Protein backbone atom coordinates (compact mmCIF):
# COMPACT_ATOMS: atom_id res chain seq x y z
CA MET A 1 0.05 0.22 0.03
CA ILE A 2 1.61 3.67 -0.78
CA SER A 3 1.79 5.33 1.92
CA MET A 4 -0.82 8.24 1.14
CA SER A 5 -3.80 5.94 0.57
CA ILE A 6 -6.87 6.55 2.22
CA TYR A 7 -7.71 2.97 1.35
CA ARG A 8 -7.99 0.17 3.83
CA PHE A 9 -8.46 -3.34 2.15
CA ASP A 10 -9.15 -6.82 3.06
CA SER A 11 -5.45 -8.87 2.45
CA ILE A 12 -6.88 -10.68 -1.09
CA SER A 13 -7.99 -7.15 -2.39
CA GLN A 14 -4.54 -5.44 -0.78
CA GLN A 15 -2.23 -7.46 -3.32
CA THR A 16 -4.81 -7.01 -6.49
CA TYR A 17 -4.77 -3.17 -5.69
CA SER A 18 -1.20 -3.14 -5.02
CA GLN A 19 -0.38 -5.38 -8.66
CA LEU A 20 -2.66 -2.95 -9.88
CA LEU A 21 -1.65 0.05 -8.55
CA GLU A 22 2.56 -0.69 -9.64
CA ALA A 23 1.80 -1.87 -12.96
CA ILE A 24 -0.12 2.02 -13.37
CA ASP A 25 2.90 3.43 -12.08
CA ARG A 26 5.38 1.64 -14.30
CA GLN A 27 2.88 2.30 -17.32
CA GLN A 28 2.08 -1.49 -17.86
CA TYR A 29 -1.00 -2.58 -19.34
CA SER A 30 -1.94 -5.83 -17.57
CA ILE A 31 -0.94 -8.49 -14.76
CA GLN A 32 -1.48 -11.89 -13.89
CA LEU A 33 -4.13 -12.76 -11.26
CA PRO A 34 -6.08 -15.24 -9.18
CA ALA A 35 -8.90 -16.60 -10.83
CA LEU A 36 -11.17 -16.32 -8.15
CA ILE A 37 -11.55 -12.42 -8.21
CA PRO A 38 -14.48 -11.51 -9.64
CA ALA A 39 -14.31 -9.33 -12.43
CA GLU A 40 -16.17 -6.41 -10.82
CA GLN A 41 -14.12 -6.26 -7.81
CA ILE A 42 -11.45 -5.88 -10.37
CA LEU A 43 -12.82 -3.25 -11.94
CA ILE A 44 -13.10 -1.04 -8.96
CA LEU A 45 -10.16 -1.88 -7.84
CA TYR A 46 -8.50 -0.62 -11.23
CA LYS A 47 -10.69 2.74 -10.78
CA LYS A 48 -8.87 3.23 -6.80
CA ALA A 49 -5.70 2.70 -8.22
CA ILE A 50 -5.50 5.14 -11.18
CA SER A 51 -7.17 7.28 -8.55
CA GLU A 52 -3.40 7.34 -6.34
CA SER A 53 -1.42 6.36 -9.03
CA ARG A 54 0.80 9.57 -10.45
CA ARG A 55 -0.04 8.21 -14.10
CA GLY A 56 -3.36 7.16 -13.34
CA TYR A 57 -5.10 10.08 -15.34
CA LEU A 58 -3.21 8.70 -18.45
CA TYR A 59 -5.59 5.19 -18.07
CA GLN A 60 -8.95 4.50 -19.14
CA PRO A 61 -11.24 3.81 -16.21
CA CYS A 62 -14.82 2.95 -18.08
CA SER A 63 -13.79 -0.49 -18.74
CA ILE A 64 -10.99 -3.51 -18.69
CA ARG A 65 -10.71 -6.99 -20.26
CA MET A 66 -10.35 -10.36 -18.65
CA LEU A 67 -8.79 -13.46 -20.27
CA SER A 68 -9.03 -16.45 -17.76
CA SER A 69 -8.05 -19.76 -16.95
CA PHE A 70 -8.62 -22.26 -14.57
CA PHE A 71 -6.23 -21.69 -11.88
CA ASN A 72 -5.63 -17.46 -13.19
CA GLN A 73 -7.11 -14.39 -15.47
CA THR A 74 -5.61 -11.55 -17.31
CA VAL A 75 -6.88 -8.60 -16.67
CA SER A 76 -5.70 -6.45 -19.53
CA PHE A 77 -6.63 -2.31 -19.49
CA GLU A 78 -5.49 0.50 -21.56
CA ILE A 79 -4.27 4.16 -22.03
CA CYS A 80 -7.01 6.76 -23.03
CA PRO A 81 -6.99 7.26 -26.59
CA GLU A 82 -5.59 11.18 -26.26
CA ALA A 83 -2.62 9.56 -23.72
CA ARG A 84 -1.22 7.74 -27.31
CA GLU A 85 0.33 11.17 -28.44
CA TYR A 86 1.83 10.78 -24.83
CA ILE A 87 4.48 13.79 -25.33
CA LYS A 88 1.97 16.05 -26.62
CA ALA A 89 -1.15 15.05 -23.87
CA ALA A 90 1.48 14.84 -21.17
CA SER A 91 2.61 18.23 -21.66
CA THR A 92 -0.54 20.05 -21.86
CA VAL A 93 -2.05 18.34 -18.83
CA GLU A 94 1.59 18.52 -16.73
CA PHE A 95 1.56 22.31 -17.63
CA GLU A 96 -1.53 22.68 -16.38
CA ILE A 97 -1.71 20.58 -13.45
CA ASP A 98 1.90 22.33 -12.30
CA ALA A 99 0.10 25.74 -12.86
CA ILE A 100 -2.77 24.45 -10.02
CA VAL A 101 -0.78 23.52 -7.58
CA ARG A 102 1.77 26.17 -7.34
CA GLU A 103 -1.09 28.34 -6.98
CA ALA A 104 -2.72 25.73 -4.39
CA LYS A 105 0.37 25.91 -2.21
CA ARG A 106 0.25 29.40 -1.79
CA GLU A 107 -2.15 28.95 0.82
CA ARG A 108 -1.32 28.70 4.19
CA THR A 109 -2.85 25.42 5.12
CA GLN A 110 -4.04 22.39 3.08
CA SER A 111 -7.78 22.70 3.94
CA ASP A 112 -7.16 26.01 1.89
CA MET A 113 -5.18 24.03 -0.79
CA VAL A 114 -8.29 21.94 -0.95
CA LYS A 115 -10.47 24.82 -1.57
CA ALA A 116 -8.56 26.30 -4.33
CA VAL A 117 -8.12 23.56 -6.09
CA HIS A 118 -11.97 22.83 -5.67
CA SER A 119 -13.01 26.99 -6.50
CA TYR A 120 -10.42 26.39 -9.66
CA PHE A 121 -12.29 22.92 -10.40
CA VAL A 122 -15.71 24.83 -10.30
CA ARG A 123 -14.60 28.10 -12.29
CA ASN A 124 -13.27 26.17 -15.21
CA TYR A 125 -14.68 23.29 -16.28
CA ARG A 126 -17.80 22.08 -17.46
CA TYR A 127 -20.30 19.53 -16.70
CA ALA A 128 -20.43 16.98 -20.17
CA TYR A 129 -24.14 17.20 -20.48
CA ASN A 130 -23.67 16.30 -24.01
CA HIS A 131 -20.76 13.39 -24.04
CA ILE A 132 -22.66 11.26 -20.93
CA ASN A 133 -22.39 8.39 -23.08
CA ASP A 134 -18.96 8.84 -24.60
CA THR A 135 -15.88 6.98 -22.75
CA ARG A 136 -13.44 10.02 -23.50
CA TYR A 137 -15.25 12.11 -21.00
CA GLY A 138 -15.08 9.38 -18.26
CA SER A 139 -11.06 9.93 -17.62
CA ALA A 140 -9.44 12.20 -16.20
CA LEU A 141 -7.43 14.11 -19.35
CA SER A 142 -10.71 14.77 -20.79
CA VAL A 143 -10.95 17.69 -17.63
CA PHE A 144 -7.67 19.28 -18.63
CA LEU A 145 -7.91 18.51 -22.55
CA TYR A 146 -11.80 19.15 -22.99
CA ARG A 147 -12.75 21.33 -20.23
CA GLU A 148 -15.52 19.21 -19.69
CA SER A 149 -16.22 15.57 -18.15
CA VAL A 150 -18.51 13.37 -16.03
CA CYS A 151 -18.71 12.88 -12.60
CA GLU A 152 -15.75 9.76 -12.91
CA GLY A 153 -13.38 11.80 -14.55
CA PHE A 154 -13.71 14.59 -12.50
CA ALA A 155 -12.94 12.84 -9.80
CA LEU A 156 -10.00 11.20 -10.57
CA ALA A 157 -8.68 14.45 -12.35
CA TYR A 158 -9.33 16.22 -8.12
CA ALA A 159 -7.81 12.61 -7.07
CA THR A 160 -4.65 13.62 -9.44
CA VAL A 161 -4.05 17.35 -8.52
CA MET A 162 -4.45 16.74 -4.56
CA HIS A 163 -1.83 14.61 -4.66
CA ARG A 164 0.29 16.65 -5.97
CA ILE A 165 -0.28 18.79 -3.16
CA GLY A 166 0.96 16.03 -0.80
CA VAL A 167 -3.23 15.65 0.56
CA PRO A 168 -4.25 11.91 0.01
CA CYS A 169 -6.92 11.37 -1.85
CA GLY A 170 -9.40 8.89 -3.35
CA ILE A 171 -12.44 8.17 -5.09
CA VAL A 172 -15.95 6.75 -3.94
CA LEU A 173 -17.68 4.76 -6.22
CA GLY A 174 -21.77 5.46 -5.14
CA LYS A 175 -24.80 6.90 -6.32
CA SER A 176 -26.01 10.43 -5.66
CA SER A 177 -28.92 12.35 -6.11
CA LEU A 178 -29.37 15.66 -7.28
CA ASP A 179 -32.84 17.61 -8.26
CA GLY A 180 -34.53 14.19 -7.07
CA GLN A 181 -33.26 11.99 -9.72
CA ALA A 182 -30.66 8.82 -8.51
CA CYS A 183 -27.84 8.43 -10.68
CA ASP A 184 -24.59 6.57 -10.57
CA HIS A 185 -22.17 8.66 -9.19
CA ALA A 186 -18.43 9.44 -7.98
CA TRP A 187 -16.35 11.52 -5.95
CA ASN A 188 -13.39 12.34 -3.38
CA ILE A 189 -12.69 11.74 -0.11
CA VAL A 190 -9.38 13.57 1.26
CA GLN A 191 -7.53 13.29 4.22
CA LEU A 192 -6.68 16.14 6.70
CA GLY A 193 -4.35 15.06 9.18
CA ASN A 194 -6.18 12.35 11.07
CA SER A 195 -9.50 13.15 9.35
CA PHE A 196 -11.46 12.49 6.20
CA TYR A 197 -13.81 13.97 4.08
CA HIS A 198 -16.07 14.16 1.34
CA VAL A 199 -15.70 16.62 -1.41
CA ASP A 200 -17.54 16.72 -4.83
CA VAL A 201 -16.57 18.92 -7.30
CA THR A 202 -18.89 17.68 -9.60
CA TRP A 203 -21.99 19.00 -8.20
CA ASP A 204 -20.89 21.95 -7.16
CA ILE A 205 -20.14 22.75 -11.01
CA CYS A 206 -23.30 21.64 -11.57
CA THR A 207 -25.24 23.99 -9.39
CA LYS A 208 -22.52 26.48 -9.67
CA GLU A 209 -23.60 26.36 -13.84
CA GLY A 210 -25.57 30.37 -14.59
CA SER A 211 -23.48 31.96 -11.76
CA ASP A 212 -20.25 33.81 -11.31
CA GLN A 213 -19.85 32.35 -7.80
CA SER A 214 -17.75 29.62 -6.80
CA GLY A 215 -20.04 26.78 -4.87
CA PHE A 216 -18.75 25.23 -1.86
CA ASP A 217 -21.93 23.37 -1.39
CA TYR A 218 -20.00 19.69 -1.22
CA LEU A 219 -16.52 20.56 0.22
CA LEU A 220 -15.05 18.97 3.06
CA LEU A 221 -18.34 17.10 4.18
CA ASP A 222 -18.95 14.76 6.96
CA ASP A 223 -20.91 11.50 6.37
CA GLN A 224 -23.98 12.45 7.76
CA LEU A 225 -24.12 15.78 6.22
CA ALA A 226 -22.84 14.09 2.61
CA GLN A 227 -25.70 10.87 3.27
CA ALA A 228 -27.97 13.54 2.30
CA ASP A 229 -28.00 12.90 -1.12
CA HIS A 230 -25.43 10.38 -1.64
CA TRP A 231 -24.74 7.08 -0.92
CA TRP A 232 -22.37 4.49 -0.93
CA ASN A 233 -21.31 0.80 0.30
CA ASP A 234 -17.94 0.41 0.37
CA ARG A 235 -15.86 -1.26 3.62
CA SER A 236 -12.31 -0.34 2.53
CA LEU A 237 -13.31 3.49 2.62
CA PRO A 238 -12.77 5.56 6.34
CA ARG A 239 -15.14 6.99 8.20
CA CYS A 240 -15.81 10.67 7.92
CA SER A 241 -16.76 12.15 11.34
CA ASP A 242 -15.49 15.58 11.43
CA CYS A 243 -17.82 18.72 10.88
CA THR A 244 -15.25 21.68 11.03
CA GLN A 245 -14.00 21.92 7.90
CA ASP A 246 -17.35 22.33 6.08
CA PHE A 247 -17.15 25.98 4.36
CA TYR A 248 -20.50 27.34 6.19
CA ALA A 249 -19.24 25.87 9.44
CA LYS A 250 -15.84 27.66 8.83
CA SER A 251 -17.74 30.79 7.61
CA GLY A 252 -20.11 30.92 10.75
CA SER A 253 -23.20 30.80 8.36
CA LEU A 254 -24.18 27.40 9.88
CA CYS A 255 -28.19 27.42 10.94
CA TRP A 256 -30.32 25.57 12.68
CA THR A 257 -33.69 27.45 12.96
CA LYS A 258 -35.19 30.05 10.63
CA GLU A 259 -34.11 32.26 12.88
CA ASP A 260 -30.72 31.20 12.59
CA CYS A 261 -30.47 31.54 9.12
CA ARG A 262 -32.20 34.78 9.33
CA LYS A 263 -29.57 36.12 11.37
CA ALA A 264 -27.04 35.27 9.55
CA VAL A 265 -28.63 36.98 6.35
CA LEU A 266 -28.11 39.88 8.58
CA GLN A 267 -24.63 39.93 9.50
CA GLN A 268 -23.65 39.05 6.08
CA LEU A 269 -25.60 42.42 5.00
CA ARG A 270 -24.18 44.51 7.78
CA ARG A 271 -20.17 43.25 6.18
CA LYS A 272 -21.81 45.03 2.76
CA LYS A 273 -21.89 41.38 1.05
CA GLN A 274 -23.13 40.92 -2.30
CA THR A 275 -23.25 37.31 -1.95
CA ILE A 276 -24.98 36.03 0.78
CA TYR A 277 -25.08 32.48 2.26
CA PHE A 278 -26.20 29.81 4.78
CA ARG A 279 -26.59 26.07 5.39
CA CYS A 280 -29.62 25.24 7.14
CA THR A 281 -29.08 21.62 9.14
CA ALA A 282 -32.80 21.45 10.95
CA ASN A 283 -34.69 18.39 10.75
CA ASN A 284 -37.19 20.18 8.76
CA LYS A 285 -35.43 21.97 6.77
CA ALA A 286 -37.34 21.43 3.90
CA ALA A 287 -40.35 24.32 5.46
CA ILE A 288 -37.13 26.65 5.62
CA VAL A 289 -35.36 26.46 2.34
CA ASN A 290 -37.99 26.94 -0.01
CA SER A 291 -38.78 29.26 -2.75
CA THR A 292 -41.61 30.80 -0.01
CA VAL A 293 -39.37 31.55 3.01
CA ILE A 294 -36.40 32.38 1.99
CA PRO A 295 -37.54 35.88 0.49
CA ASP A 296 -38.87 35.89 3.17
CA ILE A 297 -35.46 35.74 5.66
CA LEU A 298 -33.77 38.55 3.47
CA TYR A 299 -36.76 40.62 3.76
CA SER A 300 -36.87 40.51 7.24
CA ALA A 301 -32.61 41.19 7.32
CA CYS A 302 -32.99 43.58 5.24
CA GLU A 303 -35.80 45.58 7.33
CA GLU A 304 -33.73 45.13 10.73
CA ALA A 305 -30.21 46.42 8.89
CA GLY A 306 -32.26 49.45 7.91
CA ILE A 307 -31.54 49.06 4.07
CA SER A 308 -34.11 49.08 1.11
CA ILE A 309 -34.34 45.22 -0.39
CA PRO A 310 -31.90 44.91 -2.88
CA SER A 311 -33.02 43.30 -6.34
CA PHE A 312 -31.67 39.80 -6.21
CA GLN A 313 -31.86 36.18 -7.86
CA TYR A 314 -30.83 32.93 -5.21
CA TYR A 315 -30.02 29.66 -5.47
CA MET A 316 -30.96 26.88 -3.01
CA ASN A 317 -30.00 23.13 -2.15
CA PRO A 318 -32.88 21.72 -0.23
CA SER A 319 -31.38 18.50 0.17
CA ILE A 320 -28.86 19.95 1.71
CA GLY A 321 -30.04 23.14 3.35
CA THR A 322 -27.71 25.74 1.34
CA VAL A 323 -28.93 28.98 0.18
CA ARG A 324 -27.06 31.79 -1.86
CA TYR A 325 -28.13 35.06 -2.26
CA LYS A 326 -26.67 37.34 -5.74
CA LEU A 327 -27.41 40.63 -4.70
CA GLN A 328 -28.03 43.01 -7.40
CA THR A 329 -25.95 45.92 -7.65
């Protein structure tokens, strides 16, 4: 196991994972494994190995090939078509990764580095709505070469950058729901110190579209908050139990009641903020985070602050209780 791995495998999975990781690090394209390991398990381990290898971004994560005999099986995998022109692809991608890493390392803490990279992804890349079934948009390379990808590509690309800045990072393969529709999904878990956190750049990219603001709804979440609209069943993943690094918690805009939400908005109005946000964690948050109550909260806060009600737009994510107002000047 590499020293920065977030995964904790059983002995058989660990041996398979180590072989896959070593092969990818050496830019090989096949390994021999015992015949008893199911293909589905190997594919999952292969994707995880891509997420923790320096060379992983070159590989196609969507499929593997199996040739089985009675005692063993040959597992073959391949690099992305774009990576066959290695010098061109690597120089383009490495240049951007190095630039992202240099910018992130200007931050004082690892937590701020993670946020800086997250913000870069949200600002600069788009979800590949028109290429969901195109395997080219499922790799880390697609993020840097095409400026758009699907969730697996974003998760693998984000993991690549995290390892370059010294933050252990892996991927989660599970399901999620956005706008009420459940689907297969991939996102990240990062390690800061002795704690682990969920990071989902894909959903923040999707919810940011149409706005000039970087979203942090899915940055550094604990299991409890992530489980509001993410589901996974993977014993190799660590427990994420710290809720103190969430963007809303750190900014003092984590709210439990409607009055808490109003006070958070009032405080930001008094600071003359043009973008105002809060996260409501009440059990009945749907009664607060809705299109009827959200404007009323802003109206009430403006009245107490003694300012006229500005023209504004707002975004809300009821599943995890986030609200963001954009005041028009």
